[in-house]
Amino acid sequence: MKFKPSYGRAFQSFLCVAFIGFMASATSANAQSYPNKPVRLMVGYAPGGLTDGVARTLAPRLSEILGQQVVIENRGGGGSTIGTDVVAKAQADGYTLLISDQALISNASLFQKLPYDTLKDLQPVALVGVATSVIVVHPSISVRDLKELIALAKSKPGVLNYASGGNGTLTHLAGELFKQVAGVDIMHVPYKGTGPGVVDLLGGQVPMMFSSIGPVAQHIKSGKVIAVAVTGESRSPALPDVPTLAELGLAPATVVGYWGMMAPAGTPREIMDKLNKAVNDTVKRPDIYQRLADQGVEPTGGTSSGYEKILRTEIPKWAAVIKRANIKID
């Protein structure tokens, strides 16, 4: 009996290997030529807010570096989950990106069911910057520092109200963490955005507020409101005379907000590296740096892995705070 080699099977194996090699070469070639068409930069909010402002600050310079127009697309709704979902389900080719903010972290616990998995369906491109909040009070309550504020809150449990930019926002979560760490009972008053809350704070309708720095900085400097502490790890360059919670003995109440760029999971490494370099080069420009700082975001830049580490640390941290405070928005 003569042995007959299976040329058919060998040929099939050859074709399979050749196809894999072809696809790898095609992917590499596409990554090297990236981008060859406009890039969508998704913002999960309507125009006009802080995250939209960050995107519009970055986009022109990113367009110059990449050689293609970076087009802002606003998809508001669902606490930014609608826009985020668009990116999570987009083709992983670098042409649909997300400007992420603190909601990317907190939404993982605020919503009982998300249409995407934050850590599996998205991958970090780069950290853009960090932001801190500030605790401000109206002069009418005769509080001049954090110690006096805590004493007042403890003397009147359940009476003192604090404003925030809305349910589930970073300023709301900062207030809830402060309550847990300081052991005070203050009542949350959510507003539809920071602006309306600041208006009522200035008018004395609400006695205190957890706010991003940008909208209240001028009012602090004019004496219309009093800043008792910033929530970040270090003092804010915009408010250098205002101490941190850590300096005042409440380090566990420290809150930092993170702004970054995300891409669909599976985006080729060559494209990710090109985007990471573009983001870092952009935030290092003095004019971009200053514009971001004026909006209350301290530019940092950073690696993809560094931003991923932040997400993996912050998501469980805020999950615990949200569970203890029993915060639900859906």
Protein backbone atom coordinates (compact mmCIF):
# COMPACT_ATOMS: atom_id res chain seq x y z
CA MET A 1 0.00 0.00 0.00
CA LYS A 2 1.49 3.31 -1.07
CA PHE A 3 1.34 6.40 1.20
CA LYS A 4 -0.30 9.40 -0.40
CA PRO A 5 0.58 12.76 1.15
CA SER A 6 -2.39 14.99 1.99
CA TYR A 7 -1.57 17.97 -0.22
CA GLY A 8 -5.07 19.34 0.33
CA ARG A 9 -4.64 19.66 4.08
CA ALA A 10 -1.14 21.08 3.75
CA PHE A 11 -2.37 23.61 1.23
CA GLN A 12 -5.20 24.64 3.56
CA SER A 13 -2.69 25.17 6.38
CA PHE A 14 -0.53 27.23 4.05
CA LEU A 15 -3.49 29.41 3.08
CA CYS A 16 -4.43 29.91 6.73
CA VAL A 17 -0.93 31.03 7.68
CA ALA A 18 -0.74 33.25 4.62
CA PHE A 19 -4.08 34.85 5.46
CA ILE A 20 -3.02 35.55 9.03
CA GLY A 21 0.18 37.09 7.76
CA PHE A 22 -1.71 39.17 5.23
CA MET A 23 -4.14 40.46 7.87
CA ALA A 24 -1.29 41.33 10.22
CA SER A 25 0.48 43.20 7.42
CA ALA A 26 -2.74 45.00 6.47
CA THR A 27 -3.38 46.01 10.09
CA SER A 28 0.18 47.29 10.44
CA ALA A 29 -0.10 49.22 7.17
CA ASN A 30 -3.41 50.77 8.24
CA ALA A 31 -1.93 51.75 11.58
CA GLN A 32 1.09 53.35 9.90
CA SER A 33 -1.12 55.39 7.55
CA TYR A 34 -3.48 56.41 10.37
CA PRO A 35 -5.28 58.74 10.20
CA ASN A 36 -6.35 59.15 6.57
CA LYS A 37 -9.79 60.60 7.30
CA PRO A 38 -11.44 62.79 9.99
CA VAL A 39 -11.53 61.50 13.57
CA ARG A 40 -14.70 61.70 15.68
CA LEU A 41 -14.16 62.89 19.26
CA MET A 42 -17.26 61.98 21.26
CA VAL A 43 -18.49 64.07 24.18
CA GLY A 44 -21.23 62.49 26.28
CA TYR A 45 -22.89 65.82 27.08
CA ALA A 46 -24.58 68.73 25.37
CA PRO A 47 -22.29 71.60 24.31
CA GLY A 48 -21.22 74.10 26.93
CA GLY A 49 -20.10 72.04 29.91
CA LEU A 50 -16.62 71.40 31.28
CA THR A 51 -16.00 68.14 29.41
CA ASP A 52 -17.17 69.72 26.17
CA GLY A 53 -14.82 72.63 26.88
CA VAL A 54 -11.89 70.25 27.37
CA ALA A 55 -12.65 68.54 24.06
CA ARG A 56 -12.91 71.83 22.18
CA THR A 57 -9.64 73.02 23.70
CA LEU A 58 -7.81 69.89 22.54
CA ALA A 59 -9.38 69.31 19.12
CA PRO A 60 -7.69 72.06 17.03
CA ARG A 61 -4.19 71.13 18.16
CA LEU A 62 -4.88 67.39 17.80
CA SER A 63 -6.03 68.09 14.25
CA GLU A 64 -2.71 69.81 13.49
CA ILE A 65 -0.65 66.96 14.93
CA LEU A 66 -2.63 64.14 13.31
CA GLY A 67 -3.00 65.88 9.97
CA GLN A 68 -6.75 65.21 9.89
CA GLN A 69 -9.66 67.14 11.33
CA VAL A 70 -10.77 66.05 14.80
CA VAL A 71 -14.53 66.61 14.84
CA ILE A 72 -16.42 67.07 18.11
CA GLU A 73 -19.65 65.10 18.33
CA ASN A 74 -21.96 65.74 21.29
CA ARG A 75 -24.16 62.82 22.35
CA GLY A 76 -25.75 63.94 25.62
CA GLY A 77 -27.99 61.91 27.88
CA GLY A 78 -27.83 59.17 30.48
CA GLY A 79 -25.11 60.86 32.48
CA SER A 80 -22.74 60.52 29.49
CA THR A 81 -23.52 56.80 29.01
CA ILE A 82 -25.10 57.29 25.56
CA GLY A 83 -22.01 58.88 24.05
CA THR A 84 -19.74 56.43 25.84
CA ASP A 85 -21.71 53.50 24.44
CA VAL A 86 -21.23 54.82 20.90
CA VAL A 87 -17.46 54.63 21.37
CA ALA A 88 -17.56 51.27 23.16
CA LYS A 89 -19.38 49.74 20.18
CA ALA A 90 -17.44 51.56 17.45
CA GLN A 91 -14.93 49.91 15.14
CA ALA A 92 -11.55 49.70 16.86
CA ASP A 93 -9.69 51.70 14.23
CA GLY A 94 -8.92 54.96 16.03
CA TYR A 95 -11.55 57.00 14.20
CA THR A 96 -14.06 57.16 17.07
CA LEU A 97 -12.70 58.36 20.42
CA LEU A 98 -14.14 59.58 23.71
CA ILE A 99 -13.25 62.47 25.98
CA SER A 100 -13.89 60.86 29.35
CA ASP A 101 -14.48 62.48 32.70
CA GLN A 102 -15.23 61.33 36.24
CA ALA A 103 -18.56 59.91 35.11
CA LEU A 104 -16.71 57.10 33.35
CA ILE A 105 -15.60 55.99 36.83
CA SER A 106 -18.75 56.61 38.87
CA ASN A 107 -21.26 55.39 36.28
CA ALA A 108 -19.91 51.87 36.70
CA SER A 109 -21.67 51.85 40.08
CA LEU A 110 -24.37 54.51 39.72
CA PHE A 111 -26.21 52.54 37.05
CA GLN A 112 -27.51 49.08 37.80
CA LYS A 113 -26.97 48.06 34.19
CA LEU A 114 -24.77 49.75 31.61
CA PRO A 115 -24.89 48.91 27.89
CA TYR A 116 -21.10 48.46 27.95
CA ASP A 117 -18.37 47.16 30.25
CA THR A 118 -16.15 50.09 31.17
CA LEU A 119 -12.92 48.11 31.54
CA LYS A 120 -13.53 45.50 28.83
CA ASP A 121 -15.12 47.49 26.00
CA LEU A 122 -12.93 50.59 26.25
CA GLN A 123 -9.20 51.15 26.54
CA PRO A 124 -7.42 54.27 27.82
CA VAL A 125 -5.45 56.38 25.36
CA ALA A 126 -4.09 58.94 27.83
CA LEU A 127 -4.89 60.95 30.90
CA VAL A 128 -5.53 64.56 29.94
CA GLY A 129 -5.70 66.18 33.35
CA VAL A 130 -7.10 66.22 36.86
CA ALA A 131 -9.53 68.52 38.61
CA THR A 132 -10.27 69.29 42.20
CA SER A 133 -13.41 70.62 43.83
CA VAL A 134 -13.76 73.32 46.45
CA ILE A 135 -16.06 73.61 49.46
CA VAL A 136 -17.56 77.08 49.54
CA VAL A 137 -19.98 78.71 51.98
CA HIS A 138 -22.12 81.82 51.93
CA PRO A 139 -20.92 84.51 54.37
CA SER A 140 -24.36 84.62 56.04
CA ILE A 141 -23.73 81.38 57.97
CA SER A 142 -20.73 82.96 59.78
CA VAL A 143 -18.33 80.13 58.93
CA ARG A 144 -14.77 81.05 58.06
CA ASP A 145 -12.94 77.71 57.99
CA LEU A 146 -13.54 73.96 57.79
CA LYS A 147 -13.42 73.44 61.56
CA GLU A 148 -16.23 75.94 62.06
CA LEU A 149 -18.24 74.37 59.24
CA ILE A 150 -18.02 70.88 60.73
CA ALA A 151 -18.93 72.24 64.17
CA LEU A 152 -21.98 74.00 62.74
CA ALA A 153 -23.07 70.89 60.85
CA LYS A 154 -22.75 68.72 63.96
CA SER A 155 -24.72 71.20 66.04
CA LYS A 156 -27.58 71.13 63.52
CA PRO A 157 -27.77 67.61 62.08
CA GLY A 158 -29.96 67.33 58.99
CA VAL A 159 -30.44 71.11 58.75
CA LEU A 160 -27.48 72.36 56.70
CA ASN A 161 -27.94 71.94 52.94
CA TYR A 162 -25.21 71.64 50.33
CA ALA A 163 -25.56 72.20 46.60
CA SER A 164 -23.94 70.18 43.84
CA GLY A 165 -23.96 70.11 40.07
CA GLY A 166 -26.45 67.24 40.06
CA ASN A 167 -27.12 63.69 41.22
CA GLY A 168 -24.15 61.41 40.65
CA THR A 169 -21.76 64.21 39.67
CA LEU A 170 -18.29 64.46 41.14
CA THR A 171 -19.37 67.34 43.38
CA HIS A 172 -22.28 65.25 44.72
CA LEU A 173 -19.97 62.29 45.41
CA ALA A 174 -17.42 64.60 47.03
CA GLY A 175 -20.15 65.82 49.38
CA GLU A 176 -21.19 62.29 50.28
CA LEU A 177 -17.63 61.19 50.96
CA PHE A 178 -17.11 64.29 53.10
CA LYS A 179 -20.21 63.40 55.13
CA GLN A 180 -18.92 59.88 55.73
CA VAL A 181 -15.42 60.95 56.73
CA ALA A 182 -16.33 64.04 58.79
CA GLY A 183 -19.30 62.35 60.46
CA VAL A 184 -21.78 65.10 59.63
CA ASP A 185 -25.39 65.00 58.49
CA ILE A 186 -25.84 67.55 55.73
CA MET A 187 -28.56 67.43 53.09
CA HIS A 188 -27.87 67.23 49.38
CA VAL A 189 -29.59 69.70 47.02
CA PRO A 190 -28.87 68.69 43.41
CA TYR A 191 -28.97 71.30 40.67
CA LYS A 192 -29.13 70.85 36.91
CA GLY A 193 -25.55 71.90 36.47
CA THR A 194 -23.02 73.85 38.50
CA GLY A 195 -24.12 77.25 37.18
CA PRO A 196 -27.63 77.26 38.72
CA GLY A 197 -26.18 76.03 42.02
CA VAL A 198 -23.68 78.88 42.10
CA VAL A 199 -26.48 81.39 41.44
CA ASP A 200 -28.41 80.15 44.46
CA LEU A 201 -25.27 80.03 46.59
CA LEU A 202 -24.53 83.68 45.77
CA GLY A 203 -28.11 84.59 46.62
CA GLY A 204 -27.97 82.77 49.95
CA GLN A 205 -30.71 80.30 49.00
CA VAL A 206 -28.28 77.48 49.78
CA PRO A 207 -25.59 77.94 52.47
CA MET A 208 -22.78 75.78 51.08
CA MET A 209 -21.69 74.01 47.94
CA PHE A 210 -19.23 71.47 46.59
CA SER A 211 -18.21 73.01 43.29
CA SER A 212 -15.63 72.74 40.56
CA ILE A 213 -13.20 75.62 40.95
CA GLY A 214 -13.72 77.45 37.67
CA PRO A 215 -17.30 78.68 38.24
CA VAL A 216 -16.62 80.03 41.76
CA ALA A 217 -13.01 81.23 41.64
CA GLN A 218 -13.90 84.86 40.88
CA HIS A 219 -16.55 84.90 43.61
CA ILE A 220 -14.06 83.58 46.14
CA LYS A 221 -11.57 86.28 45.21
CA SER A 222 -14.26 88.98 45.47
CA GLY A 223 -15.39 87.73 48.89
CA LYS A 224 -18.93 86.87 47.80
CA VAL A 225 -18.37 83.30 48.99
CA ILE A 226 -15.77 81.78 51.29
CA ALA A 227 -13.63 78.79 50.36
CA VAL A 228 -12.89 76.54 53.35
CA ALA A 229 -11.04 73.68 51.62
CA VAL A 230 -10.17 72.12 48.29
CA THR A 231 -10.70 68.40 47.87
CA GLY A 232 -7.61 67.53 45.83
CA GLU A 233 -4.33 65.93 46.84
CA SER A 234 -2.54 69.28 46.66
CA ARG A 235 -3.49 72.94 46.69
CA SER A 236 -4.97 74.31 43.50
CA PRO A 237 -2.84 76.79 41.52
CA ALA A 238 -6.06 78.78 41.07
CA LEU A 239 -6.61 78.98 44.86
CA PRO A 240 -3.14 78.70 46.43
CA ASP A 241 -4.25 80.08 49.80
CA VAL A 242 -7.01 77.50 50.32
CA PRO A 243 -5.85 74.39 52.25
CA THR A 244 -6.59 70.82 51.23
CA LEU A 245 -8.79 68.49 53.26
CA ALA A 246 -5.68 66.43 53.98
CA GLU A 247 -3.94 69.46 55.51
CA LEU A 248 -6.97 69.91 57.74
CA GLY A 249 -6.98 66.31 58.97
CA LEU A 250 -9.50 64.78 56.54
CA ALA A 251 -7.21 63.00 54.08
CA PRO A 252 -9.68 60.13 53.47
CA ALA A 253 -12.12 62.70 52.04
CA THR A 254 -9.70 63.64 49.25
CA VAL A 255 -11.37 63.70 45.84
CA VAL A 256 -9.72 64.07 42.44
CA GLY A 257 -11.59 64.10 39.14
CA TYR A 258 -9.97 62.61 36.05
CA TRP A 259 -10.33 63.70 32.41
CA GLY A 260 -8.87 61.56 29.64
CA MET A 261 -9.26 60.01 26.22
CA MET A 262 -10.62 56.52 25.55
CA ALA A 263 -10.75 54.30 22.46
CA PRO A 264 -12.69 51.13 21.66
CA ALA A 265 -11.04 47.99 23.04
CA GLY A 266 -8.85 46.27 20.49
CA THR A 267 -7.54 49.42 18.83
CA PRO A 268 -4.09 48.57 17.37
CA ARG A 269 -1.14 49.47 19.55
CA GLU A 270 0.49 51.57 16.81
CA ILE A 271 -2.61 53.78 16.66
CA MET A 272 -2.86 53.97 20.45
CA ASP A 273 0.78 55.06 20.67
CA LYS A 274 0.25 57.72 18.00
CA LEU A 275 -2.81 59.08 19.82
CA ASN A 276 -1.09 59.01 23.19
CA LYS A 277 1.80 61.07 21.84
CA ALA A 278 -0.64 63.52 20.23
CA VAL A 279 -2.49 64.05 23.52
CA ASN A 280 0.70 64.51 25.51
CA ASP A 281 2.18 66.92 22.97
CA THR A 282 -1.07 68.90 22.98
CA VAL A 283 -1.43 69.39 26.75
CA LYS A 284 2.23 70.45 27.03
CA ARG A 285 1.69 73.47 24.81
CA PRO A 286 1.65 76.57 27.07
CA ASP A 287 -1.50 78.03 25.50
CA ILE A 288 -3.43 74.74 25.75
CA TYR A 289 -2.15 74.19 29.28
CA GLN A 290 -3.39 77.60 30.38
CA ARG A 291 -6.78 77.24 28.71
CA LEU A 292 -7.36 73.92 30.44
CA ALA A 293 -6.17 75.32 33.77
CA ASP A 294 -8.55 78.27 33.39
CA GLN A 295 -11.39 75.75 33.08
CA GLY A 296 -10.34 74.06 36.33
CA VAL A 297 -8.52 71.08 34.80
CA GLU A 298 -4.83 70.77 35.64
CA PRO A 299 -3.15 69.22 32.55
CA THR A 300 -1.01 66.18 33.27
CA GLY A 301 -0.80 63.91 30.24
CA GLY A 302 0.40 60.40 30.89
CA THR A 303 0.60 56.84 29.64
CA SER A 304 -2.20 54.53 28.63
CA SER A 305 -1.25 52.10 31.40
CA GLY A 306 -1.17 54.91 33.96
CA TYR A 307 -4.72 55.96 33.13
CA GLU A 308 -5.86 52.33 33.21
CA LYS A 309 -4.37 51.93 36.69
CA ILE A 310 -6.32 54.99 37.85
CA LEU A 311 -9.57 53.56 36.48
CA ARG A 312 -9.01 50.18 38.13
CA THR A 313 -8.32 51.90 41.46
CA GLU A 314 -11.03 54.57 41.36
CA ILE A 315 -13.97 52.44 40.17
CA PRO A 316 -14.05 50.20 43.30
CA LYS A 317 -13.31 53.18 45.55
CA TRP A 318 -16.37 55.06 44.38
CA ALA A 319 -18.46 51.89 44.28
CA ALA A 320 -18.00 51.65 48.05
CA VAL A 321 -18.91 55.32 48.62
CA ILE A 322 -21.99 55.05 46.40
CA LYS A 323 -23.15 51.88 48.16
CA ARG A 324 -22.76 53.40 51.64
CA ALA A 325 -24.63 56.54 50.57
CA ASN A 326 -27.27 54.48 48.74
CA ILE A 327 -27.04 56.72 45.66
CA LYS A 328 -29.13 55.64 42.68
CA ILE A 329 -29.86 57.54 39.51
CA ASP A 330 -31.63 54.94 37.39
